[in-house]
Amino acid sequence: MTNLTPCIVALGGFLLCRLILPIARVFEDL
């Protein structure tokens, strides 16, 4: 693997957080 792997993992984690945080807020409002 090249040095791009950590960047891809960080980007994937960032996108995953952006997806999960609004869902978590919706469940908290319920």
N, C-alpha and C. Protein backbone atom coordinates (compact mmCIF):
# COMPACT_ATOMS: atom_id res chain seq x y z
N MET A 1 0.84 -1.20 0.00
CA MET A 1 0.00 0.00 0.00
C MET A 1 0.87 1.25 0.00
N THR A 2 0.33 2.31 -0.55
CA THR A 2 1.07 3.56 -0.60
C THR A 2 0.72 4.43 0.60
N ASN A 3 1.26 5.63 0.63
CA ASN A 3 0.99 6.56 1.73
C ASN A 3 -0.42 7.15 1.65
N LEU A 4 -1.15 6.82 0.58
CA LEU A 4 -2.51 7.34 0.44
C LEU A 4 -3.49 6.61 1.35
N THR A 5 -3.10 5.43 1.81
CA THR A 5 -4.03 4.63 2.61
C THR A 5 -4.53 5.36 3.86
N PRO A 6 -3.65 5.97 4.66
CA PRO A 6 -4.15 6.70 5.84
C PRO A 6 -5.10 7.83 5.47
N CYS A 7 -4.86 8.46 4.34
CA CYS A 7 -5.74 9.56 3.91
C CYS A 7 -7.13 9.02 3.56
N ILE A 8 -7.15 7.86 2.89
CA ILE A 8 -8.43 7.26 2.52
C ILE A 8 -9.20 6.83 3.77
N VAL A 9 -8.47 6.26 4.74
CA VAL A 9 -9.11 5.82 5.98
C VAL A 9 -9.66 7.03 6.73
N ALA A 10 -8.89 8.12 6.79
CA ALA A 10 -9.33 9.32 7.49
C ALA A 10 -10.55 9.93 6.79
N LEU A 11 -10.53 9.95 5.47
CA LEU A 11 -11.65 10.50 4.72
C LEU A 11 -12.89 9.65 4.92
N GLY A 12 -12.71 8.32 4.90
CA GLY A 12 -13.83 7.42 5.12
C GLY A 12 -14.43 7.60 6.51
N GLY A 13 -13.57 7.76 7.51
CA GLY A 13 -14.04 7.97 8.88
C GLY A 13 -14.79 9.29 9.00
N PHE A 14 -14.30 10.31 8.31
CA PHE A 14 -14.95 11.62 8.34
C PHE A 14 -16.34 11.54 7.72
N LEU A 15 -16.44 10.89 6.57
CA LEU A 15 -17.74 10.77 5.90
C LEU A 15 -18.69 9.93 6.75
N LEU A 16 -18.15 8.90 7.41
CA LEU A 16 -18.98 8.03 8.25
C LEU A 16 -19.54 8.83 9.43
N CYS A 17 -18.70 9.69 10.01
CA CYS A 17 -19.16 10.53 11.14
C CYS A 17 -20.23 11.50 10.66
N ARG A 18 -20.04 12.08 9.49
CA ARG A 18 -21.01 13.03 8.96
C ARG A 18 -22.36 12.34 8.73
N LEU A 19 -22.31 11.03 8.44
CA LEU A 19 -23.54 10.28 8.20
C LEU A 19 -24.20 9.88 9.51
N ILE A 20 -23.39 9.49 10.50
CA ILE A 20 -23.93 8.94 11.75
C ILE A 20 -24.41 10.03 12.70
N LEU A 21 -23.71 11.16 12.77
CA LEU A 21 -24.07 12.20 13.74
C LEU A 21 -25.51 12.70 13.58
N PRO A 22 -25.99 13.04 12.39
CA PRO A 22 -27.38 13.49 12.26
C PRO A 22 -28.37 12.39 12.66
N ILE A 23 -28.05 11.14 12.36
CA ILE A 23 -28.93 10.03 12.73
C ILE A 23 -28.99 9.90 14.24
N ALA A 24 -27.84 10.06 14.91
CA ALA A 24 -27.81 9.97 16.37
C ALA A 24 -28.64 11.09 16.98
N ARG A 25 -28.60 12.26 16.39
CA ARG A 25 -29.37 13.39 16.92
C ARG A 25 -30.86 13.12 16.76
N VAL A 26 -31.24 12.50 15.66
CA VAL A 26 -32.66 12.17 15.45
C VAL A 26 -33.12 11.18 16.51
N PHE A 27 -32.29 10.18 16.81
CA PHE A 27 -32.67 9.19 17.84
C PHE A 27 -32.74 9.85 19.21
N GLU A 28 -31.88 10.84 19.47
CA GLU A 28 -31.92 11.52 20.76
C GLU A 28 -33.21 12.33 20.90
N ASP A 29 -33.68 12.89 19.78
CA ASP A 29 -34.93 13.67 19.83
C ASP A 29 -36.13 12.76 20.06
N LEU A 30 -36.03 11.51 19.65
CA LEU A 30 -37.12 10.57 19.90
C LEU A 30 -37.16 10.26 21.39
